Amino acid sequence: MDLRQYYQKIRDAEAKIVEEFPVVVSNETVDGGKAGTKTEVPRRLAAKLLVENLARLATAEEIKAYRTVMAEARRVADQLAQAAKLQLTVLSVAELDRLKGQSRASAKD
């Protein structure tokens, strides 16, 4: 294939893509690529994947489902990050009694 034609096809495909980061769905390939994997990629890479017939643009329903899954994954990751920040302090019984005594004394005042 002529390189000029190849890159012109990529530029043409890129011009047809509206989104800045479109969602593409992979096609099955002879070297073991799995069909149906959804990925959000830059416009230029999406055009290259389309020209090489390695992927297709996702439908509106597929995009909605992908974004829902990604939002849930982000929410779970944020929760895990917050849980990792949780700080615990281990107190001995004597320290706990001392703190209880201090809080009772300050409550009486």
PDB file of N, CA and C in Angstrom:
ATOM      1  N   MET A   1       0.844  -1.177   0.000  1.00  0.00           N
ATOM      2  CA  MET A   1       0.000   0.000   0.000  1.00  0.00           C
ATOM      3  C   MET A   1       0.893   1.245   0.000  1.00  0.00           C
ATOM      4  N   ASP A   2       0.474   2.209  -0.760  1.00  0.00           N
ATOM      5  CA  ASP A   2       1.190   3.474  -0.834  1.00  0.00           C
ATOM      6  C   ASP A   2       1.005   4.223   0.486  1.00  0.00           C
ATOM      7  N   LEU A   3       2.098   4.691   1.062  1.00  0.00           N
ATOM      8  CA  LEU A   3       2.021   5.387   2.350  1.00  0.00           C
ATOM      9  C   LEU A   3       1.201   6.660   2.266  1.00  0.00           C
ATOM     10  N   ARG A   4       1.263   7.344   1.155  1.00  0.00           N
ATOM     11  CA  ARG A   4       0.474   8.582   1.010  1.00  0.00           C
ATOM     12  C   ARG A   4      -1.015   8.275   1.055  1.00  0.00           C
ATOM     13  N   GLN A   5      -1.417   7.219   0.378  1.00  0.00           N
ATOM     14  CA  GLN A   5      -2.823   6.818   0.411  1.00  0.00           C
ATOM     15  C   GLN A   5      -3.235   6.403   1.819  1.00  0.00           C
ATOM     16  N   TYR A   6      -2.374   5.657   2.468  1.00  0.00           N
ATOM     17  CA  TYR A   6      -2.651   5.173   3.826  1.00  0.00           C
ATOM     18  C   TYR A   6      -2.901   6.345   4.772  1.00  0.00           C
ATOM     19  N   TYR A   7      -1.994   7.299   4.783  1.00  0.00           N
ATOM     20  CA  TYR A   7      -2.146   8.436   5.692  1.00  0.00           C
ATOM     21  C   TYR A   7      -3.287   9.352   5.266  1.00  0.00           C
ATOM     22  N   GLN A   8      -3.585   9.413   3.981  1.00  0.00           N
ATOM     23  CA  GLN A   8      -4.737  10.198   3.532  1.00  0.00           C
ATOM     24  C   GLN A   8      -6.027   9.553   4.025  1.00  0.00           C
ATOM     25  N   LYS A   9      -6.092   8.220   3.987  1.00  0.00           N
ATOM     26  CA  LYS A   9      -7.264   7.516   4.514  1.00  0.00           C
ATOM     27  C   LYS A   9      -7.428   7.795   6.009  1.00  0.00           C
ATOM     28  N   ILE A  10      -6.319   7.820   6.741  1.00  0.00           N
ATOM     29  CA  ILE A  10      -6.382   8.108   8.177  1.00  0.00           C
ATOM     30  C   ILE A  10      -6.893   9.530   8.393  1.00  0.00           C
ATOM     31  N   ARG A  11      -6.381  10.490   7.628  1.00  0.00           N
ATOM     32  CA  ARG A  11      -6.837  11.880   7.773  1.00  0.00           C
ATOM     33  C   ARG A  11      -8.316  12.011   7.433  1.00  0.00           C
ATOM     34  N   ASP A  12      -8.764  11.319   6.387  1.00  0.00           N
ATOM     35  CA  ASP A  12     -10.179  11.362   6.004  1.00  0.00           C
ATOM     36  C   ASP A  12     -11.061  10.762   7.095  1.00  0.00           C
ATOM     37  N   ALA A  13     -10.643   9.625   7.631  1.00  0.00           N
ATOM     38  CA  ALA A  13     -11.412   8.987   8.705  1.00  0.00           C
ATOM     39  C   ALA A  13     -11.435   9.870   9.943  1.00  0.00           C
ATOM     40  N   GLU A  14     -10.313  10.513  10.235  1.00  0.00           N
ATOM     41  CA  GLU A  14     -10.230  11.403  11.398  1.00  0.00           C
ATOM     42  C   GLU A  14     -11.168  12.591  11.240  1.00  0.00           C
ATOM     43  N   ALA A  15     -11.294  13.107  10.033  1.00  0.00           N
ATOM     44  CA  ALA A  15     -12.175  14.249   9.784  1.00  0.00           C
ATOM     45  C   ALA A  15     -13.644  13.876   9.972  1.00  0.00           C
ATOM     46  N   LYS A  16     -13.990  12.616   9.769  1.00  0.00           N
ATOM     47  CA  LYS A  16     -15.377  12.171   9.900  1.00  0.00           C
ATOM     48  C   LYS A  16     -15.774  11.906  11.350  1.00  0.00           C
ATOM     49  N   ILE A  17     -14.798  11.756  12.227  1.00  0.00           N
ATOM     50  CA  ILE A  17     -15.087  11.456  13.634  1.00  0.00           C
ATOM     51  C   ILE A  17     -15.377  12.763  14.360  1.00  0.00           C
ATOM     52  N   VAL A  18     -16.516  12.834  15.017  1.00  0.00           N
ATOM     53  CA  VAL A  18     -16.962  14.066  15.664  1.00  0.00           C
ATOM     54  C   VAL A  18     -16.323  14.258  17.039  1.00  0.00           C
ATOM     55  N   GLU A  19     -16.320  13.214  17.856  1.00  0.00           N
ATOM     56  CA  GLU A  19     -15.855  13.323  19.233  1.00  0.00           C
ATOM     57  C   GLU A  19     -14.338  13.469  19.297  1.00  0.00           C
ATOM     58  N   GLU A  20     -13.873  14.136  20.349  1.00  0.00           N
ATOM     59  CA  GLU A  20     -12.429  14.263  20.577  1.00  0.00           C
ATOM     60  C   GLU A  20     -11.836  12.927  21.027  1.00  0.00           C
ATOM     61  N   PHE A  21     -12.590  12.200  21.864  1.00  0.00           N
ATOM     62  CA  PHE A  21     -12.164  10.888  22.352  1.00  0.00           C
ATOM     63  C   PHE A  21     -13.298   9.886  22.106  1.00  0.00           C
ATOM     64  N   PRO A  22     -13.386   9.349  20.896  1.00  0.00           N
ATOM     65  CA  PRO A  22     -14.470   8.416  20.588  1.00  0.00           C
ATOM     66  C   PRO A  22     -14.255   7.051  21.244  1.00  0.00           C
ATOM     67  N   VAL A  23     -15.352   6.341  21.410  1.00  0.00           N
ATOM     68  CA  VAL A  23     -15.299   4.975  21.922  1.00  0.00           C
ATOM     69  C   VAL A  23     -15.286   4.047  20.711  1.00  0.00           C
ATOM     70  N   VAL A  24     -14.320   3.146  20.688  1.00  0.00           N
ATOM     71  CA  VAL A  24     -14.229   2.169  19.599  1.00  0.00           C
ATOM     72  C   VAL A  24     -14.430   0.769  20.168  1.00  0.00           C
ATOM     73  N   VAL A  25     -14.913  -0.114  19.308  1.00  0.00           N
ATOM     74  CA  VAL A  25     -15.134  -1.513  19.677  1.00  0.00           C
ATOM     75  C   VAL A  25     -14.209  -2.351  18.807  1.00  0.00           C
ATOM     76  N   SER A  26     -13.409  -3.180  19.449  1.00  0.00           N
ATOM     77  CA  SER A  26     -12.411  -3.958  18.707  1.00  0.00           C
ATOM     78  C   SER A  26     -13.066  -5.031  17.844  1.00  0.00           C
ATOM     79  N   ASN A  27     -12.399  -5.339  16.747  1.00  0.00           N
ATOM     80  CA  ASN A  27     -12.781  -6.452  15.875  1.00  0.00           C
ATOM     81  C   ASN A  27     -11.852  -7.623  16.169  1.00  0.00           C
ATOM     82  N   GLU A  28     -12.314  -8.822  15.849  1.00  0.00           N
ATOM     83  CA  GLU A  28     -11.456  -9.991  16.016  1.00  0.00           C
ATOM     84  C   GLU A  28     -10.349  -9.941  14.964  1.00  0.00           C
ATOM     85  N   THR A  29      -9.135 -10.251  15.385  1.00  0.00           N
ATOM     86  CA  THR A  29      -8.012 -10.233  14.450  1.00  0.00           C
ATOM     87  C   THR A  29      -7.376 -11.613  14.377  1.00  0.00           C
ATOM     88  N   VAL A  30      -6.602 -11.837  13.324  1.00  0.00           N
ATOM     89  CA  VAL A  30      -5.970 -13.143  13.135  1.00  0.00           C
ATOM     90  C   VAL A  30      -4.871 -13.398  14.159  1.00  0.00           C
ATOM     91  N   ASP A  31      -4.323 -12.329  14.743  1.00  0.00           N
ATOM     92  CA  ASP A  31      -3.245 -12.514  15.719  1.00  0.00           C
ATOM     93  C   ASP A  31      -3.763 -12.591  17.153  1.00  0.00           C
ATOM     94  N   GLY A  32      -5.060 -12.859  17.318  1.00  0.00           N
ATOM     95  CA  GLY A  32      -5.589 -13.103  18.650  1.00  0.00           C
ATOM     96  C   GLY A  32      -6.349 -11.956  19.281  1.00  0.00           C
ATOM     97  N   GLY A  33      -6.587 -10.880  18.552  1.00  0.00           N
ATOM     98  CA  GLY A  33      -7.345  -9.759  19.105  1.00  0.00           C
ATOM     99  C   GLY A  33      -8.785 -10.151  19.379  1.00  0.00           C
ATOM    100  N   LYS A  34      -9.289  -9.754  20.550  1.00  0.00           N
ATOM    101  CA  LYS A  34     -10.649 -10.098  20.944  1.00  0.00           C
ATOM    102  C   LYS A  34     -11.638  -9.099  20.364  1.00  0.00           C
ATOM    103  N   ALA A  35     -12.744  -9.594  19.887  1.00  0.00           N
ATOM    104  CA  ALA A  35     -13.803  -8.736  19.373  1.00  0.00           C
ATOM    105  C   ALA A  35     -14.669  -8.246  20.527  1.00  0.00           C
ATOM    106  N   GLY A  36     -15.146  -7.008  20.425  1.00  0.00           N
ATOM    107  CA  GLY A  36     -16.110  -6.495  21.389  1.00  0.00           C
ATOM    108  C   GLY A  36     -15.545  -5.708  22.545  1.00  0.00           C
ATOM    109  N   THR A  37     -14.242  -5.535  22.626  1.00  0.00           N
ATOM    110  CA  THR A  37     -13.650  -4.759  23.714  1.00  0.00           C
ATOM    111  C   THR A  37     -13.815  -3.274  23.406  1.00  0.00           C
ATOM    112  N   LYS A  38     -14.448  -2.557  24.340  1.00  0.00           N
ATOM    113  CA  LYS A  38     -14.690  -1.123  24.143  1.00  0.00           C
ATOM    114  C   LYS A  38     -13.576  -0.319  24.798  1.00  0.00           C
ATOM    115  N   THR A  39     -13.119   0.717  24.088  1.00  0.00           N
ATOM    116  CA  THR A  39     -12.035   1.554  24.581  1.00  0.00           C
ATOM    117  C   THR A  39     -12.254   2.977  24.107  1.00  0.00           C
ATOM    118  N   GLU A  40     -11.917   3.927  24.964  1.00  0.00           N
ATOM    119  CA  GLU A  40     -11.976   5.340  24.591  1.00  0.00           C
ATOM    120  C   GLU A  40     -10.569   5.757  24.177  1.00  0.00           C
ATOM    121  N   VAL A  41     -10.438   6.270  22.958  1.00  0.00           N
ATOM    122  CA  VAL A  41      -9.120   6.587  22.404  1.00  0.00           C
ATOM    123  C   VAL A  41      -9.143   7.982  21.776  1.00  0.00           C
ATOM    124  N   PRO A  42      -7.971   8.578  21.557  1.00  0.00           N
ATOM    125  CA  PRO A  42      -7.920   9.856  20.838  1.00  0.00           C
ATOM    126  C   PRO A  42      -8.416   9.686  19.393  1.00  0.00           C
ATOM    127  N   ARG A  43      -8.891  10.761  18.825  1.00  0.00           N
ATOM    128  CA  ARG A  43      -9.472  10.734  17.483  1.00  0.00           C
ATOM    129  C   ARG A  43      -8.498  10.154  16.445  1.00  0.00           C
ATOM    130  N   ARG A  44      -7.237  10.562  16.512  1.00  0.00           N
ATOM    131  CA  ARG A  44      -6.244  10.107  15.528  1.00  0.00           C
ATOM    132  C   ARG A  44      -6.060   8.584  15.594  1.00  0.00           C
ATOM    133  N   LEU A  45      -5.990   8.039  16.796  1.00  0.00           N
ATOM    134  CA  LEU A  45      -5.835   6.592  16.954  1.00  0.00           C
ATOM    135  C   LEU A  45      -7.093   5.855  16.493  1.00  0.00           C
ATOM    136  N   ALA A  46      -8.263   6.417  16.782  1.00  0.00           N
ATOM    137  CA  ALA A  46      -9.511   5.797  16.329  1.00  0.00           C
ATOM    138  C   ALA A  46      -9.533   5.712  14.807  1.00  0.00           C
ATOM    139  N   ALA A  47      -9.103   6.776  14.141  1.00  0.00           N
ATOM    140  CA  ALA A  47      -9.062   6.777  12.679  1.00  0.00           C
ATOM    141  C   ALA A  47      -8.113   5.697  12.166  1.00  0.00           C
ATOM    142  N   LYS A  48      -6.968   5.562  12.801  1.00  0.00           N
ATOM    143  CA  LYS A  48      -5.985   4.544  12.397  1.00  0.00           C
ATOM    144  C   LYS A  48      -6.570   3.140  12.573  1.00  0.00           C
ATOM    145  N   LEU A  49      -7.256   2.907  13.696  1.00  0.00           N
ATOM    146  CA  LEU A  49      -7.866   1.599  13.944  1.00  0.00           C
ATOM    147  C   LEU A  49      -8.964   1.298  12.928  1.00  0.00           C
ATOM    148  N   LEU A  50      -9.721   2.323  12.548  1.00  0.00           N
ATOM    149  CA  LEU A  50     -10.771   2.136  11.552  1.00  0.00           C
ATOM    150  C   LEU A  50     -10.178   1.790  10.190  1.00  0.00           C
ATOM    151  N   VAL A  51      -9.152   2.523   9.782  1.00  0.00           N
ATOM    152  CA  VAL A  51      -8.519   2.292   8.479  1.00  0.00           C
ATOM    153  C   VAL A  51      -7.910   0.896   8.419  1.00  0.00           C
ATOM    154  N   GLU A  52      -7.316   0.459   9.508  1.00  0.00           N
ATOM    155  CA  GLU A  52      -6.688  -0.863   9.542  1.00  0.00           C
ATOM    156  C   GLU A  52      -7.686  -1.982   9.837  1.00  0.00           C
ATOM    157  N   ASN A  53      -8.971  -1.612   9.978  1.00  0.00           N
ATOM    158  CA  ASN A  53     -10.049  -2.559  10.242  1.00  0.00           C
ATOM    159  C   ASN A  53      -9.816  -3.354  11.527  1.00  0.00           C
ATOM    160  N   LEU A  54      -9.200  -2.715  12.507  1.00  0.00           N
ATOM    161  CA  LEU A  54      -8.977  -3.348  13.803  1.00  0.00           C
ATOM    162  C   LEU A  54     -10.101  -3.023  14.785  1.00  0.00           C
ATOM    163  N   ALA A  55     -10.889  -1.991  14.470  1.00  0.00           N
ATOM    164  CA  ALA A  55     -11.976  -1.581  15.354  1.00  0.00           C
ATOM    165  C   ALA A  55     -13.032  -0.856  14.530  1.00  0.00           C
ATOM    166  N   ARG A  56     -14.171  -0.642  15.173  1.00  0.00           N
ATOM    167  CA  ARG A  56     -15.250   0.152  14.588  1.00  0.00           C
ATOM    168  C   ARG A  56     -15.716   1.141  15.636  1.00  0.00           C
ATOM    169  N   LEU A  57     -16.374   2.203  15.199  1.00  0.00           N
ATOM    170  CA  LEU A  57     -16.911   3.163  16.157  1.00  0.00           C
ATOM    171  C   LEU A  57     -18.085   2.531  16.894  1.00  0.00           C
ATOM    172  N   ALA A  58     -18.212   2.824  18.168  1.00  0.00           N
ATOM    173  CA  ALA A  58     -19.289   2.273  18.982  1.00  0.00           C
ATOM    174  C   ALA A  58     -20.603   2.975  18.656  1.00  0.00           C
ATOM    175  N   THR A  59     -21.695   2.245  18.813  1.00  0.00           N
ATOM    176  CA  THR A  59     -23.018   2.835  18.639  1.00  0.00           C
ATOM    177  C   THR A  59     -23.351   3.669  19.871  1.00  0.00           C
ATOM    178  N   ALA A  60     -24.421   4.455  19.782  1.00  0.00           N
ATOM    179  CA  ALA A  60     -24.830   5.302  20.904  1.00  0.00           C
ATOM    180  C   ALA A  60     -25.143   4.456  22.140  1.00  0.00           C
ATOM    181  N   GLU A  61     -25.772   3.308  21.941  1.00  0.00           N
ATOM    182  CA  GLU A  61     -26.092   2.423  23.070  1.00  0.00           C
ATOM    183  C   GLU A  61     -24.825   1.868  23.709  1.00  0.00           C
ATOM    184  N   GLU A  62     -23.869   1.477  22.873  1.00  0.00           N
ATOM    185  CA  GLU A  62     -22.607   0.943  23.389  1.00  0.00           C
ATOM    186  C   GLU A  62     -21.831   2.014  24.148  1.00  0.00           C
ATOM    187  N   ILE A  63     -21.872   3.247  23.656  1.00  0.00           N
ATOM    188  CA  ILE A  63     -21.185   4.348  24.338  1.00  0.00           C
ATOM    189  C   ILE A  63     -21.813   4.587  25.703  1.00  0.00           C
ATOM    190  N   LYS A  64     -23.139   4.595  25.749  1.00  0.00           N
ATOM    191  CA  LYS A  64     -23.841   4.815  27.019  1.00  0.00           C
ATOM    192  C   LYS A  64     -23.498   3.713  28.024  1.00  0.00           C
ATOM    193  N   ALA A  65     -23.515   2.465  27.575  1.00  0.00           N
ATOM    194  CA  ALA A  65     -23.184   1.343  28.461  1.00  0.00           C
ATOM    195  C   ALA A  65     -21.735   1.438  28.929  1.00  0.00           C
ATOM    196  N   TYR A  66     -20.825   1.792  28.025  1.00  0.00           N
ATOM    197  CA  TYR A  66     -19.402   1.919  28.369  1.00  0.00           C
ATOM    198  C   TYR A  66     -19.204   3.012  29.413  1.00  0.00           C
ATOM    199  N   ARG A  67     -19.829   4.151  29.202  1.00  0.00           N
ATOM    200  CA  ARG A  67     -19.670   5.271  30.149  1.00  0.00           C
ATOM    201  C   ARG A  67     -20.271   4.933  31.511  1.00  0.00           C
ATOM    202  N   THR A  68     -21.367   4.184  31.529  1.00  0.00           N
ATOM    203  CA  THR A  68     -21.968   3.751  32.795  1.00  0.00           C
ATOM    204  C   THR A  68     -21.012   2.835  33.552  1.00  0.00           C
ATOM    205  N   VAL A  69     -20.422   1.893  32.852  1.00  0.00           N
ATOM    206  CA  VAL A  69     -19.471   0.966  33.479  1.00  0.00           C
ATOM    207  C   VAL A  69     -18.251   1.729  33.994  1.00  0.00           C
ATOM    208  N   MET A  70     -17.752   2.674  33.203  1.00  0.00           N
ATOM    209  CA  MET A  70     -16.572   3.438  33.609  1.00  0.00           C
ATOM    210  C   MET A  70     -16.880   4.339  34.810  1.00  0.00           C
ATOM    211  N   ALA A  71     -18.084   4.925  34.850  1.00  0.00           N
ATOM    212  CA  ALA A  71     -18.468   5.764  35.984  1.00  0.00           C
ATOM    213  C   ALA A  71     -18.543   4.929  37.261  1.00  0.00           C
ATOM    214  N   GLU A  72     -19.087   3.736  37.156  1.00  0.00           N
ATOM    215  CA  GLU A  72     -19.167   2.844  38.321  1.00  0.00           C
ATOM    216  C   GLU A  72     -17.768   2.430  38.776  1.00  0.00           C
ATOM    217  N   ALA A  73     -16.898   2.128  37.822  1.00  0.00           N
ATOM    218  CA  ALA A  73     -15.523   1.749  38.168  1.00  0.00           C
ATOM    219  C   ALA A  73     -14.800   2.904  38.852  1.00  0.00           C
ATOM    220  N   ARG A  74     -15.022   4.127  38.376  1.00  0.00           N
ATOM    221  CA  ARG A  74     -14.403   5.300  39.000  1.00  0.00           C
ATOM    222  C   ARG A  74     -14.931   5.499  40.425  1.00  0.00           C
ATOM    223  N   ARG A  75     -16.249   5.297  40.602  1.00  0.00           N
ATOM    224  CA  ARG A  75     -16.843   5.450  41.933  1.00  0.00           C
ATOM    225  C   ARG A  75     -16.244   4.434  42.906  1.00  0.00           C
ATOM    226  N   VAL A  76     -16.102   3.197  42.465  1.00  0.00           N
ATOM    227  CA  VAL A  76     -15.520   2.151  43.314  1.00  0.00           C
ATOM    228  C   VAL A  76     -14.062   2.472  43.626  1.00  0.00           C
ATOM    229  N   ALA A  77     -13.319   2.933  42.628  1.00  0.00           N
ATOM    230  CA  ALA A  77     -11.908   3.283  42.850  1.00  0.00           C
ATOM    231  C   ALA A  77     -11.785   4.441  43.833  1.00  0.00           C
ATOM    232  N   ASP A  78     -12.679   5.426  43.725  1.00  0.00           N
ATOM    233  CA  ASP A  78     -12.656   6.549  44.668  1.00  0.00           C
ATOM    234  C   ASP A  78     -12.966   6.085  46.085  1.00  0.00           C
ATOM    235  N   GLN A  79     -13.920   5.162  46.215  1.00  0.00           N
ATOM    236  CA  GLN A  79     -14.239   4.626  47.538  1.00  0.00           C
ATOM    237  C   GLN A  79     -13.052   3.875  48.123  1.00  0.00           C
ATOM    238  N   LEU A  80     -12.376   3.103  47.309  1.00  0.00           N
ATOM    239  CA  LEU A  80     -11.200   2.373  47.789  1.00  0.00           C
ATOM    240  C   LEU A  80     -10.089   3.334  48.191  1.00  0.00           C
ATOM    241  N   ALA A  81      -9.934   4.410  47.446  1.00  0.00           N
ATOM    242  CA  ALA A  81      -8.913   5.403  47.788  1.00  0.00           C
ATOM    243  C   ALA A  81      -9.256   6.082  49.110  1.00  0.00           C
ATOM    244  N   GLN A  82     -10.523   6.384  49.312  1.00  0.00           N
ATOM    245  CA  GLN A  82     -10.936   6.994  50.576  1.00  0.00           C
ATOM    246  C   GLN A  82     -10.761   6.013  51.736  1.00  0.00           C
ATOM    247  N   ALA A  83     -11.064   4.747  51.499  1.00  0.00           N
ATOM    248  CA  ALA A  83     -10.893   3.739  52.549  1.00  0.00           C
ATOM    249  C   ALA A  83      -9.424   3.571  52.908  1.00  0.00           C
ATOM    250  N   ALA A  84      -8.552   3.730  51.944  1.00  0.00           N
ATOM    251  CA  ALA A  84      -7.114   3.610  52.209  1.00  0.00           C
ATOM    252  C   ALA A  84      -6.623   4.772  53.062  1.00  0.00           C
ATOM    253  N   LYS A  85      -7.314   5.894  52.979  1.00  0.00           N
ATOM    254  CA  LYS A  85      -6.922   7.068  53.761  1.00  0.00           C
ATOM    255  C   LYS A  85      -7.424   7.002  55.204  1.00  0.00           C
ATOM    256  N   LEU A  86      -8.312   6.070  55.504  1.00  0.00           N
ATOM    257  CA  LEU A  86      -8.870   5.947  56.840  1.00  0.00           C
ATOM    258  C   LEU A  86      -7.751   5.692  57.841  1.00  0.00           C
ATOM    259  N   GLN A  87      -7.712   6.508  58.873  1.00  0.00           N
ATOM    260  CA  GLN A  87      -6.659   6.374  59.870  1.00  0.00           C
ATOM    261  C   GLN A  87      -7.249   5.802  61.157  1.00  0.00           C
ATOM    262  N   LEU A  88      -6.585   4.834  61.675  1.00  0.00           N
ATOM    263  CA  LEU A  88      -6.996   4.212  62.925  1.00  0.00           C
ATOM    264  C   LEU A  88      -5.893   4.392  63.952  1.00  0.00           C
ATOM    265  N   THR A  89      -6.303   4.539  65.194  1.00  0.00           N
ATOM    266  CA  THR A  89      -5.344   4.639  66.283  1.00  0.00           C
ATOM    267  C   THR A  89      -5.655   3.539  67.281  1.00  0.00           C
ATOM    268  N   VAL A  90      -4.665   2.779  67.635  1.00  0.00           N
ATOM    269  CA  VAL A  90      -4.832   1.706  68.604  1.00  0.00           C
ATOM    270  C   VAL A  90      -4.470   2.262  69.974  1.00  0.00           C
ATOM    271  N   LEU A  91      -5.409   2.141  70.893  1.00  0.00           N
ATOM    272  CA  LEU A  91      -5.201   2.636  72.254  1.00  0.00           C
ATOM    273  C   LEU A  91      -5.172   1.473  73.229  1.00  0.00           C
ATOM    274  N   SER A  92      -4.341   1.608  74.218  1.00  0.00           N
ATOM    275  CA  SER A  92      -4.361   0.614  75.289  1.00  0.00           C
ATOM    276  C   SER A  92      -5.555   0.936  76.185  1.00  0.00           C
ATOM    277  N   VAL A  93      -5.911   0.002  77.041  1.00  0.00           N
ATOM    278  CA  VAL A  93      -7.038   0.201  77.951  1.00  0.00           C
ATOM    279  C   VAL A  93      -6.766   1.387  78.868  1.00  0.00           C
ATOM    280  N   ALA A  94      -5.534   1.530  79.350  1.00  0.00           N
ATOM    281  CA  ALA A  94      -5.180   2.634  80.249  1.00  0.00           C
ATOM    282  C   ALA A  94      -5.349   3.983  79.542  1.00  0.00           C
ATOM    283  N   GLU A  95      -4.919   4.069  78.275  1.00  0.00           N
ATOM    284  CA  GLU A  95      -5.070   5.326  77.534  1.00  0.00           C
ATOM    285  C   GLU A  95      -6.539   5.649  77.303  1.00  0.00           C
ATOM    286  N   LEU A  96      -7.341   4.627  77.011  1.00  0.00           N
ATOM    287  CA  LEU A  96      -8.766   4.830  76.798  1.00  0.00           C
ATOM    288  C   LEU A  96      -9.432   5.333  78.066  1.00  0.00           C
ATOM    289  N   ASP A  97      -9.101   4.731  79.207  1.00  0.00           N
ATOM    290  CA  ASP A  97      -9.665   5.178  80.482  1.00  0.00           C
ATOM    291  C   ASP A  97      -9.262   6.618  80.777  1.00  0.00           C
ATOM    292  N   ARG A  98      -8.005   6.963  80.489  1.00  0.00           N
ATOM    293  CA  ARG A  98      -7.530   8.326  80.724  1.00  0.00           C
ATOM    294  C   ARG A  98      -8.311   9.322  79.856  1.00  0.00           C
ATOM    295  N   LEU A  99      -8.534   8.982  78.586  1.00  0.00           N
ATOM    296  CA  LEU A  99      -9.281   9.870  77.699  1.00  0.00           C
ATOM    297  C   LEU A  99     -10.735  10.000  78.141  1.00  0.00           C
ATOM    298  N   LYS A 100     -11.325   8.898  78.604  1.00  0.00           N
ATOM    299  CA  LYS A 100     -12.694   8.958  79.106  1.00  0.00           C
ATOM    300  C   LYS A 100     -12.775   9.851  80.334  1.00  0.00           C
ATOM    301  N   GLY A 101     -11.781   9.717  81.211  1.00  0.00           N
ATOM    302  CA  GLY A 101     -11.740  10.550  82.412  1.00  0.00           C
ATOM    303  C   GLY A 101     -11.605  12.024  82.058  1.00  0.00           C
ATOM    304  N   GLN A 102     -10.793  12.346  81.073  1.00  0.00           N
ATOM    305  CA  GLN A 102     -10.623  13.742  80.655  1.00  0.00           C
ATOM    306  C   GLN A 102     -11.912  14.290  80.058  1.00  0.00           C
ATOM    307  N   SER A 103     -12.615  13.490  79.287  1.00  0.00           N
ATOM    308  CA  SER A 103     -13.846  13.982  78.666  1.00  0.00           C
ATOM    309  C   SER A 103     -14.936  14.182  79.714  1.00  0.00           C
ATOM    310  N   ARG A 104     -14.970  13.332  80.750  1.00  0.00           N
ATOM    311  CA  ARG A 104     -15.952  13.504  81.823  1.00  0.00           C
ATOM    312  C   ARG A 104     -15.642  14.755  82.632  1.00  0.00           C
ATOM    313  N   ALA A 105     -14.349  14.990  82.885  1.00  0.00           N
ATOM    314  CA  ALA A 105     -13.949  16.172  83.659  1.00  0.00           C
ATOM    315  C   ALA A 105     -14.287  17.447  82.896  1.00  0.00           C
ATOM    316  N   SER A 106     -14.081  17.450  81.606  1.00  0.00           N
ATOM    317  CA  SER A 106     -14.380  18.652  80.821  1.00  0.00           C
ATOM    318  C   SER A 106     -15.887  18.835  80.674  1.00  0.00           C
ATOM    319  N   ALA A 107     -16.664  17.747  80.710  1.00  0.00           N
ATOM    320  CA  ALA A 107     -18.116  17.850  80.617  1.00  0.00           C
ATOM    321  C   ALA A 107     -18.707  18.423  81.897  1.00  0.00           C
ATOM    322  N   LYS A 108     -18.075  18.165  83.057  1.00  0.00           N
ATOM    323  CA  LYS A 108     -18.564  18.676  84.334  1.00  0.00           C
ATOM    324  C   LYS A 108     -18.319  20.174  84.457  1.00  0.00           C
ATOM    325  N   ASP A 109     -17.276  20.674  83.799  1.00  0.00           N
ATOM    326  CA  ASP A 109     -16.928  22.103  83.912  1.00  0.00           C
ATOM    327  C   ASP A 109     -17.827  22.967  83.146  1.00  0.00           C
TER     328      ASP A 109
END
